[in-house]
Amino acid sequence: MGYDTAIPPVRVSHGMLTQSSNQESTVAAGGGSLWTYTSTNSAAAVIATGYFTDAERLGMRNGDVMICSLRTGETSSLQVITIGIVCELSSSGAQLSSVGKLA
Protein backbone atom coordinates (compact mmCIF):
# COMPACT_ATOMS: atom_id res chain seq x y z
CA MET A 1 0.00 0.00 0.00
CA GLY A 2 1.51 3.32 -1.07
CA TYR A 3 0.71 6.71 0.33
CA ASP A 4 -1.35 9.58 -1.12
CA THR A 5 1.16 11.38 -3.35
CA ALA A 6 -0.97 14.55 -3.15
CA ILE A 7 0.27 14.91 0.46
CA PRO A 8 4.00 14.07 0.21
CA PRO A 9 6.72 14.22 2.83
CA VAL A 10 8.40 17.63 3.19
CA ARG A 11 12.16 18.17 3.23
CA VAL A 12 12.89 20.33 6.28
CA SER A 13 16.61 20.65 5.81
CA HIS A 14 19.02 19.73 3.06
CA GLY A 15 22.14 17.99 4.34
CA MET A 16 22.17 19.23 7.93
CA LEU A 17 22.91 15.76 9.26
CA THR A 18 26.24 15.25 7.51
CA GLN A 19 29.58 16.99 7.79
CA SER A 20 29.66 17.44 4.02
CA SER A 21 26.34 19.30 4.45
CA ASN A 22 25.41 19.94 0.81
CA GLN A 23 26.49 16.66 -0.73
CA GLU A 24 24.11 13.77 -1.17
CA SER A 25 24.77 10.20 -2.16
CA THR A 26 22.80 7.20 -3.32
CA VAL A 27 24.87 4.81 -1.19
CA ALA A 28 23.59 3.51 2.14
CA ALA A 29 23.76 6.15 4.87
CA GLY A 30 24.97 8.68 2.30
CA GLY A 31 22.01 11.06 2.64
CA GLY A 32 21.63 13.63 5.32
CA SER A 33 18.44 15.53 4.63
CA LEU A 34 15.70 15.74 7.23
CA TRP A 35 12.09 15.09 6.17
CA THR A 36 8.73 15.27 7.96
CA TYR A 37 5.57 13.37 7.12
CA THR A 38 2.07 13.37 8.63
CA SER A 39 -0.49 10.65 7.93
CA THR A 40 -3.51 8.84 9.28
CA ASN A 41 -1.83 5.57 8.25
CA SER A 42 -0.27 3.35 10.86
CA ALA A 43 3.46 3.18 11.58
CA ALA A 44 3.46 -0.38 10.21
CA ALA A 45 2.14 0.90 6.87
CA VAL A 46 4.69 3.71 6.62
CA ILE A 47 7.70 1.44 7.16
CA ALA A 48 6.44 -1.10 4.60
CA THR A 49 8.55 -1.67 1.48
CA GLY A 50 7.76 0.82 -1.29
CA TYR A 51 5.36 2.96 0.78
CA PHE A 52 6.91 6.20 -0.50
CA THR A 53 6.33 5.41 -4.17
CA ASP A 54 7.82 8.64 -5.55
CA ALA A 55 10.78 8.94 -3.18
CA GLU A 56 13.35 9.39 -5.95
CA ARG A 57 11.28 12.10 -7.63
CA LEU A 58 10.99 13.95 -4.33
CA GLY A 59 14.78 13.86 -3.94
CA MET A 60 15.08 11.35 -1.11
CA ARG A 61 18.41 9.58 -0.68
CA ASN A 62 19.48 6.51 1.26
CA GLY A 63 20.39 7.66 4.75
CA ASP A 64 17.98 10.60 4.89
CA VAL A 65 16.09 10.84 8.19
CA MET A 66 12.30 11.09 8.33
CA ILE A 67 10.15 12.08 11.30
CA CYS A 68 6.56 10.87 10.93
CA SER A 69 3.51 11.93 12.92
CA LEU A 70 1.10 8.98 12.66
CA ARG A 71 -1.81 7.13 14.19
CA THR A 72 -1.20 3.70 15.70
CA GLY A 73 -3.91 2.23 13.45
CA GLU A 74 -6.47 3.22 10.84
CA THR A 75 -9.26 3.77 13.39
CA SER A 76 -7.20 4.86 16.39
CA SER A 77 -6.96 8.41 17.66
CA LEU A 78 -3.69 7.66 19.49
CA GLN A 79 -0.84 9.53 17.82
CA VAL A 80 2.78 8.38 17.63
CA ILE A 81 6.03 9.78 16.32
CA THR A 82 8.12 7.38 14.27
CA ILE A 83 11.67 8.21 13.26
CA GLY A 84 13.15 6.27 10.36
CA ILE A 85 15.99 6.24 7.89
CA VAL A 86 15.33 6.06 4.16
CA CYS A 87 16.70 2.79 2.79
CA GLU A 88 16.30 0.52 -0.22
CA LEU A 89 15.65 3.46 -2.52
CA SER A 90 14.65 2.50 -6.08
CA SER A 91 12.48 3.76 -8.92
CA SER A 92 9.54 1.87 -7.40
CA GLY A 93 9.83 3.59 -4.02
CA ALA A 94 11.67 3.65 -0.73
CA GLN A 95 11.41 1.91 2.57
CA LEU A 96 11.86 3.49 5.98
CA SER A 97 14.01 1.58 8.41
CA SER A 98 12.28 2.19 11.74
CA VAL A 99 14.92 3.19 14.25
CA GLY A 100 12.71 4.49 16.99
CA LYS A 101 9.13 5.07 17.96
CA LEU A 102 7.79 7.37 20.65
CA ALA A 103 4.22 6.91 21.86
C-alpha atoms as a PDB file:
ATOM      1  CA  MET A   1       0.000   0.000   0.000  1.00  0.00           C
ATOM      2  CA  GLY A   2       1.512   3.317  -1.073  1.00  0.00           C
ATOM      3  CA  TYR A   3       0.712   6.710   0.327  1.00  0.00           C
ATOM      4  CA  ASP A   4      -1.354   9.579  -1.116  1.00  0.00           C
ATOM      5  CA  THR A   5       1.162  11.384  -3.349  1.00  0.00           C
ATOM      6  CA  ALA A   6      -0.966  14.548  -3.150  1.00  0.00           C
ATOM      7  CA  ILE A   7       0.270  14.910   0.456  1.00  0.00           C
ATOM      8  CA  PRO A   8       3.996  14.068   0.210  1.00  0.00           C
ATOM      9  CA  PRO A   9       6.725  14.217   2.835  1.00  0.00           C
ATOM     10  CA  VAL A  10       8.397  17.628   3.187  1.00  0.00           C
ATOM     11  CA  ARG A  11      12.155  18.169   3.226  1.00  0.00           C
ATOM     12  CA  VAL A  12      12.889  20.327   6.275  1.00  0.00           C
ATOM     13  CA  SER A  13      16.614  20.648   5.813  1.00  0.00           C
ATOM     14  CA  HIS A  14      19.017  19.729   3.063  1.00  0.00           C
ATOM     15  CA  GLY A  15      22.139  17.993   4.337  1.00  0.00           C
ATOM     16  CA  MET A  16      22.170  19.225   7.932  1.00  0.00           C
ATOM     17  CA  LEU A  17      22.911  15.757   9.259  1.00  0.00           C
ATOM     18  CA  THR A  18      26.240  15.248   7.508  1.00  0.00           C
ATOM     19  CA  GLN A  19      29.577  16.993   7.792  1.00  0.00           C
ATOM     20  CA  SER A  20      29.655  17.436   4.023  1.00  0.00           C
ATOM     21  CA  SER A  21      26.343  19.296   4.448  1.00  0.00           C
ATOM     22  CA  ASN A  22      25.411  19.940   0.815  1.00  0.00           C
ATOM     23  CA  GLN A  23      26.487  16.660  -0.728  1.00  0.00           C
ATOM     24  CA  GLU A  24      24.114  13.768  -1.174  1.00  0.00           C
ATOM     25  CA  SER A  25      24.770  10.200  -2.156  1.00  0.00           C
ATOM     26  CA  THR A  26      22.804   7.203  -3.322  1.00  0.00           C
ATOM     27  CA  VAL A  27      24.872   4.809  -1.188  1.00  0.00           C
ATOM     28  CA  ALA A  28      23.586   3.514   2.141  1.00  0.00           C
ATOM     29  CA  ALA A  29      23.759   6.153   4.867  1.00  0.00           C
ATOM     30  CA  GLY A  30      24.965   8.685   2.296  1.00  0.00           C
ATOM     31  CA  GLY A  31      22.010  11.056   2.640  1.00  0.00           C
ATOM     32  CA  GLY A  32      21.628  13.632   5.315  1.00  0.00           C
ATOM     33  CA  SER A  33      18.441  15.533   4.632  1.00  0.00           C
ATOM     34  CA  LEU A  34      15.697  15.741   7.231  1.00  0.00           C
ATOM     35  CA  TRP A  35      12.086  15.088   6.174  1.00  0.00           C
ATOM     36  CA  THR A  36       8.729  15.275   7.963  1.00  0.00           C
ATOM     37  CA  TYR A  37       5.570  13.369   7.117  1.00  0.00           C
ATOM     38  CA  THR A  38       2.071  13.370   8.630  1.00  0.00           C
ATOM     39  CA  SER A  39      -0.490  10.653   7.933  1.00  0.00           C
ATOM     40  CA  THR A  40      -3.514   8.838   9.276  1.00  0.00           C
ATOM     41  CA  ASN A  41      -1.834   5.570   8.252  1.00  0.00           C
ATOM     42  CA  SER A  42      -0.266   3.353  10.864  1.00  0.00           C
ATOM     43  CA  ALA A  43       3.464   3.180  11.580  1.00  0.00           C
ATOM     44  CA  ALA A  44       3.463  -0.383  10.211  1.00  0.00           C
ATOM     45  CA  ALA A  45       2.145   0.895   6.869  1.00  0.00           C
ATOM     46  CA  VAL A  46       4.691   3.708   6.624  1.00  0.00           C
ATOM     47  CA  ILE A  47       7.703   1.440   7.165  1.00  0.00           C
ATOM     48  CA  ALA A  48       6.442  -1.103   4.600  1.00  0.00           C
ATOM     49  CA  THR A  49       8.546  -1.674   1.475  1.00  0.00           C
ATOM     50  CA  GLY A  50       7.759   0.818  -1.289  1.00  0.00           C
ATOM     51  CA  TYR A  51       5.362   2.961   0.784  1.00  0.00           C
ATOM     52  CA  PHE A  52       6.909   6.200  -0.503  1.00  0.00           C
ATOM     53  CA  THR A  53       6.328   5.411  -4.168  1.00  0.00           C
ATOM     54  CA  ASP A  54       7.820   8.645  -5.550  1.00  0.00           C
ATOM     55  CA  ALA A  55      10.776   8.945  -3.175  1.00  0.00           C
ATOM     56  CA  GLU A  56      13.346   9.390  -5.954  1.00  0.00           C
ATOM     57  CA  ARG A  57      11.281  12.103  -7.634  1.00  0.00           C
ATOM     58  CA  LEU A  58      10.994  13.951  -4.326  1.00  0.00           C
ATOM     59  CA  GLY A  59      14.783  13.863  -3.940  1.00  0.00           C
ATOM     60  CA  MET A  60      15.081  11.352  -1.109  1.00  0.00           C
ATOM     61  CA  ARG A  61      18.412   9.580  -0.685  1.00  0.00           C
ATOM     62  CA  ASN A  62      19.479   6.506   1.259  1.00  0.00           C
ATOM     63  CA  GLY A  63      20.394   7.660   4.745  1.00  0.00           C
ATOM     64  CA  ASP A  64      17.979  10.601   4.888  1.00  0.00           C
ATOM     65  CA  VAL A  65      16.087  10.835   8.186  1.00  0.00           C
ATOM     66  CA  MET A  66      12.299  11.091   8.335  1.00  0.00           C
ATOM     67  CA  ILE A  67      10.151  12.081  11.301  1.00  0.00           C
ATOM     68  CA  CYS A  68       6.558  10.868  10.926  1.00  0.00           C
ATOM     69  CA  SER A  69       3.508  11.933  12.918  1.00  0.00           C
ATOM     70  CA  LEU A  70       1.098   8.983  12.657  1.00  0.00           C
ATOM     71  CA  ARG A  71      -1.806   7.133  14.186  1.00  0.00           C
ATOM     72  CA  THR A  72      -1.202   3.704  15.702  1.00  0.00           C
ATOM     73  CA  GLY A  73      -3.911   2.232  13.451  1.00  0.00           C
ATOM     74  CA  GLU A  74      -6.472   3.224  10.842  1.00  0.00           C
ATOM     75  CA  THR A  75      -9.259   3.773  13.389  1.00  0.00           C
ATOM     76  CA  SER A  76      -7.205   4.862  16.387  1.00  0.00           C
ATOM     77  CA  SER A  77      -6.962   8.413  17.663  1.00  0.00           C
ATOM     78  CA  LEU A  78      -3.686   7.661  19.488  1.00  0.00           C
ATOM     79  CA  GLN A  79      -0.836   9.533  17.822  1.00  0.00           C
ATOM     80  CA  VAL A  80       2.779   8.377  17.630  1.00  0.00           C
ATOM     81  CA  ILE A  81       6.033   9.775  16.317  1.00  0.00           C
ATOM     82  CA  THR A  82       8.119   7.385  14.269  1.00  0.00           C
ATOM     83  CA  ILE A  83      11.674   8.210  13.259  1.00  0.00           C
ATOM     84  CA  GLY A  84      13.150   6.274  10.364  1.00  0.00           C
ATOM     85  CA  ILE A  85      15.993   6.240   7.890  1.00  0.00           C
ATOM     86  CA  VAL A  86      15.331   6.062   4.156  1.00  0.00           C
ATOM     87  CA  CYS A  87      16.700   2.785   2.791  1.00  0.00           C
ATOM     88  CA  GLU A  88      16.302   0.523  -0.216  1.00  0.00           C
ATOM     89  CA  LEU A  89      15.649   3.465  -2.520  1.00  0.00           C
ATOM     90  CA  SER A  90      14.648   2.503  -6.083  1.00  0.00           C
ATOM     91  CA  SER A  91      12.484   3.764  -8.922  1.00  0.00           C
ATOM     92  CA  SER A  92       9.545   1.875  -7.398  1.00  0.00           C
ATOM     93  CA  GLY A  93       9.826   3.592  -4.016  1.00  0.00           C
ATOM     94  CA  ALA A  94      11.674   3.653  -0.734  1.00  0.00           C
ATOM     95  CA  GLN A  95      11.410   1.909   2.573  1.00  0.00           C
ATOM     96  CA  LEU A  96      11.864   3.487   5.978  1.00  0.00           C
ATOM     97  CA  SER A  97      14.010   1.579   8.414  1.00  0.00           C
ATOM     98  CA  SER A  98      12.281   2.188  11.737  1.00  0.00           C
ATOM     99  CA  VAL A  99      14.920   3.185  14.250  1.00  0.00           C
ATOM    100  CA  GLY A 100      12.714   4.488  16.993  1.00  0.00           C
ATOM    101  CA  LYS A 101       9.131   5.072  17.959  1.00  0.00           C
ATOM    102  CA  LEU A 102       7.788   7.366  20.652  1.00  0.00           C
ATOM    103  CA  ALA A 103       4.219   6.910  21.860  1.00  0.00           C
END
